[in-house]
């Protein structure tokens, strides 16, 4: 079966994703993206009128990748809180193992205010009255549910954000880091359930 050629627009988006992730919004020139895509600058400008519009497209994909795949898990009315923790943990490690630079890129660009995140994915509206918030409140009525959500996010995402530090100080090689991440995939649900039962 022959591989289908990807469209020029998709080729540009893939190239932009790679270059923006490596250099950030400020450090990227449209010429860098055109070179990475193997096209001329005029063609890139034909598809995407500005670097900002292209960045918004890339950022939307990245934010949906980082948060969007988790939302159906945490808003599912048919699963228990413990099942949500297991499924979300498994999904996050699957995503982050394939895209280890994703959290650092998204956090960095949000901090620089290079994109209107709320318009890309209105997480606060989805979360406010979500099933997981209600389930946490039922289990731990005396604790703000966001403490537990941020604990979960911190435990899953932070090792990937800290990876440059881990590598820079020779704390772990790639093989050690992969084993560390594999351990955490099993341990984090245990820790989260322990927090919820104590």
Protein backbone atom coordinates (compact mmCIF):
# COMPACT_ATOMS: atom_id res chain seq x y z
CA UNK A 1 0.00 0.00 0.00
CA UNK A 2 1.51 3.33 -1.08
CA UNK A 3 1.95 6.18 1.37
CA UNK A 4 -0.36 9.06 0.54
CA UNK A 5 1.27 12.44 0.11
CA UNK A 6 0.35 14.81 2.91
CA UNK A 7 -1.12 18.15 1.90
CA UNK A 8 1.04 21.27 1.77
CA UNK A 9 -0.97 22.75 4.63
CA UNK A 10 -0.32 19.69 6.83
CA UNK A 11 3.35 19.73 5.82
CA UNK A 12 3.57 23.36 6.98
CA UNK A 13 1.78 22.58 10.26
CA UNK A 14 4.11 19.66 11.00
CA UNK A 15 7.16 21.80 10.25
CA UNK A 16 5.79 24.69 12.32
CA UNK A 17 5.09 22.37 15.23
CA UNK A 18 8.68 21.11 15.17
CA UNK A 19 10.28 24.57 14.82
CA UNK A 20 8.02 26.32 17.35
CA UNK A 21 8.64 23.52 19.88
CA UNK A 22 12.42 23.87 19.43
CA UNK A 23 12.67 27.67 19.25
CA UNK A 24 9.45 29.06 20.75
CA UNK A 25 7.32 31.77 19.12
CA UNK A 26 9.86 34.59 19.51
CA UNK A 27 12.82 32.58 18.24
CA UNK A 28 11.05 31.27 15.15
CA UNK A 29 11.10 32.97 11.74
CA UNK A 30 8.61 32.02 9.04
CA UNK A 31 11.63 31.26 6.83
CA UNK A 32 12.70 28.59 9.38
CA UNK A 33 9.30 26.92 9.01
CA UNK A 34 9.36 27.14 5.19
CA UNK A 35 12.85 25.58 5.13
CA UNK A 36 11.75 22.78 7.49
CA UNK A 37 8.68 22.11 5.31
CA UNK A 38 10.80 22.15 2.12
CA UNK A 39 8.72 24.90 0.50
CA UNK A 40 9.29 28.53 -0.42
CA UNK A 41 8.25 31.42 1.80
CA UNK A 42 5.62 32.67 -0.66
CA UNK A 43 3.78 29.35 -0.49
CA UNK A 44 3.84 29.39 3.32
CA UNK A 45 2.43 32.93 3.29
CA UNK A 46 -0.29 31.83 0.86
CA UNK A 47 -1.55 29.21 3.35
CA UNK A 48 -0.90 31.15 6.57
CA UNK A 49 -0.92 34.93 6.37
CA UNK A 50 1.17 35.46 9.50
CA UNK A 51 3.42 33.73 11.98
CA UNK A 52 0.84 34.46 14.72
CA UNK A 53 -1.96 32.65 12.82
CA UNK A 54 0.26 29.67 12.19
CA UNK A 55 1.33 29.66 15.84
CA UNK A 56 -2.33 29.69 16.98
CA UNK A 57 -3.01 26.62 14.83
CA UNK A 58 -0.01 24.79 16.31
CA UNK A 59 -0.85 25.90 19.85
CA UNK A 60 -4.43 24.66 19.50
CA UNK A 61 -3.19 21.21 18.48
CA UNK A 62 -0.65 21.17 21.35
CA UNK A 63 -3.17 22.25 24.01
CA UNK A 64 -5.75 19.74 22.79
CA UNK A 65 -3.02 17.08 22.87
CA UNK A 66 -1.96 18.01 26.42
CA UNK A 67 -5.42 18.54 27.94
CA UNK A 68 -8.10 17.61 25.41
CA UNK A 69 -7.60 13.85 25.51
CA UNK A 70 -7.95 13.85 29.29
CA UNK A 71 -11.23 15.78 29.35
CA UNK A 72 -13.44 12.90 28.09
CA UNK A 73 -11.94 10.72 30.83
CA UNK A 74 -12.57 13.14 33.70
CA UNK A 75 -16.03 14.17 32.50
CA UNK A 76 -17.29 10.59 32.00
CA UNK A 77 -20.35 10.03 34.22
CA UNK A 78 -20.08 6.24 33.99
CA UNK A 79 -16.69 5.76 35.67
CA UNK A 80 -15.72 5.98 39.33
CA UNK A 81 -13.16 8.44 40.64
CA UNK A 82 -10.60 5.64 41.04
CA UNK A 83 -11.19 4.52 37.44
CA UNK A 84 -10.73 8.09 36.24
CA UNK A 85 -7.37 8.30 38.06
CA UNK A 86 -6.19 5.03 36.47
CA UNK A 87 -7.34 6.01 32.97
CA UNK A 88 -6.05 9.60 33.13
CA UNK A 89 -2.66 8.47 34.43
CA UNK A 90 -2.33 5.87 31.68
CA UNK A 91 -3.38 8.38 28.99
CA UNK A 92 -1.03 11.13 30.21
CA UNK A 93 2.01 8.89 30.26
CA UNK A 94 1.11 7.60 26.80
CA UNK A 95 0.88 11.18 25.45
CA UNK A 96 3.96 12.50 27.24
CA UNK A 97 6.18 9.54 26.41
CA UNK A 98 5.53 10.26 22.71
CA UNK A 99 5.73 14.07 23.15
CA UNK A 100 8.21 14.72 26.00
CA UNK A 101 8.72 18.41 25.07
CA UNK A 102 4.99 19.14 24.98
CA UNK A 103 4.41 20.37 28.57
CA UNK A 104 7.45 22.66 28.64
CA UNK A 105 6.49 24.19 25.29
CA UNK A 106 2.83 24.77 26.25
CA UNK A 107 3.64 26.18 29.71
CA UNK A 108 6.40 28.43 28.35
CA UNK A 109 4.26 29.87 25.56
CA UNK A 110 1.23 30.37 27.84
CA UNK A 111 3.46 32.25 30.30
CA UNK A 112 4.73 34.48 27.49
CA UNK A 113 1.08 35.15 26.55
CA UNK A 114 1.75 34.25 22.93
CA UNK A 115 -1.68 32.67 22.60
CA UNK A 116 -5.20 33.14 23.96
CA UNK A 117 -5.42 29.77 25.68
CA UNK A 118 -8.98 30.14 26.96
CA UNK A 119 -10.33 30.57 23.45
CA UNK A 120 -8.45 27.47 22.27
CA UNK A 121 -9.78 25.16 24.99
CA UNK A 122 -12.15 26.57 27.66
CA UNK A 123 -10.98 24.18 30.39
CA UNK A 124 -12.41 26.26 33.25
CA UNK A 125 -15.95 26.01 31.84
CA UNK A 126 -15.61 22.27 31.30
CA UNK A 127 -14.09 21.63 34.73
CA UNK A 128 -16.17 23.90 36.94
CA UNK A 129 -19.17 21.59 37.30
CA UNK A 130 -17.59 18.44 35.96
CA UNK A 131 -18.17 14.92 37.20
CA UNK A 132 -14.65 14.61 38.60
CA UNK A 133 -15.03 17.76 40.70
CA UNK A 134 -18.30 16.40 42.16
CA UNK A 135 -16.70 13.01 42.83
CA UNK A 136 -13.72 14.58 44.61
CA UNK A 137 -16.04 16.77 46.72
CA UNK A 138 -18.06 13.71 47.73
CA UNK A 139 -14.91 11.82 48.73
CA UNK A 140 -13.07 14.75 50.35
CA UNK A 141 -15.61 17.50 51.16
CA UNK A 142 -13.12 19.42 53.33
CA UNK A 143 -10.52 19.92 50.54
CA UNK A 144 -10.63 22.16 47.49
CA UNK A 145 -10.79 19.65 44.56
CA UNK A 146 -8.19 21.64 42.64
CA UNK A 147 -5.54 20.63 45.20
CA UNK A 148 -5.97 17.04 44.08
CA UNK A 149 -6.18 17.89 40.37
CA UNK A 150 -2.99 19.98 40.55
CA UNK A 151 -1.24 17.27 42.57
CA UNK A 152 -2.08 14.82 39.79
CA UNK A 153 -0.92 17.20 37.05
CA UNK A 154 2.26 18.02 38.96
CA UNK A 155 3.14 14.38 39.51
CA UNK A 156 2.54 13.42 35.88
CA UNK A 157 3.77 16.49 33.98
CA UNK A 158 6.63 17.81 36.12
CA UNK A 159 9.17 15.03 35.36
CA UNK A 160 8.87 15.92 31.65
CA UNK A 161 9.16 19.66 32.38
CA UNK A 162 12.22 18.97 34.57
CA UNK A 163 13.87 16.64 32.06
CA UNK A 164 16.38 19.29 30.84
CA UNK A 165 17.49 19.74 34.47
CA UNK A 166 17.65 15.97 35.02
CA UNK A 167 19.80 15.60 31.88
CA UNK A 168 21.86 18.74 32.55
CA UNK A 169 22.96 17.52 35.97
CA UNK A 170 23.46 13.91 34.76
CA UNK A 171 20.90 12.66 37.29
CA UNK A 172 19.55 10.06 34.83
CA UNK A 173 20.39 8.90 31.36
CA UNK A 174 17.59 8.31 28.81
CA UNK A 175 17.17 4.67 29.79
CA UNK A 176 16.97 5.53 33.51
CA UNK A 177 14.43 8.27 32.78
CA UNK A 178 12.23 5.87 30.79
CA UNK A 179 12.32 3.37 33.68
CA UNK A 180 11.53 6.21 36.13
CA UNK A 181 8.53 7.29 34.04
CA UNK A 182 7.32 3.69 33.77
CA UNK A 183 7.44 3.40 37.60
CA UNK A 184 5.49 6.63 38.02
CA UNK A 185 2.77 5.40 35.66
CA UNK A 186 2.04 2.68 38.23
CA UNK A 187 2.80 4.67 41.39
CA UNK A 188 0.83 7.87 40.75
CA UNK A 189 -2.62 6.21 40.82
CA UNK A 190 -1.62 4.54 44.11
CA UNK A 191 -0.50 7.87 45.59
CA UNK A 192 -3.61 9.70 44.37
CA UNK A 193 -5.96 7.07 45.83
CA UNK A 194 -4.02 7.22 49.08
CA UNK A 195 -4.52 11.01 49.25
CA UNK A 196 -8.23 10.52 48.66
CA UNK A 197 -8.61 7.88 51.37
CA UNK A 198 -6.53 9.50 54.12
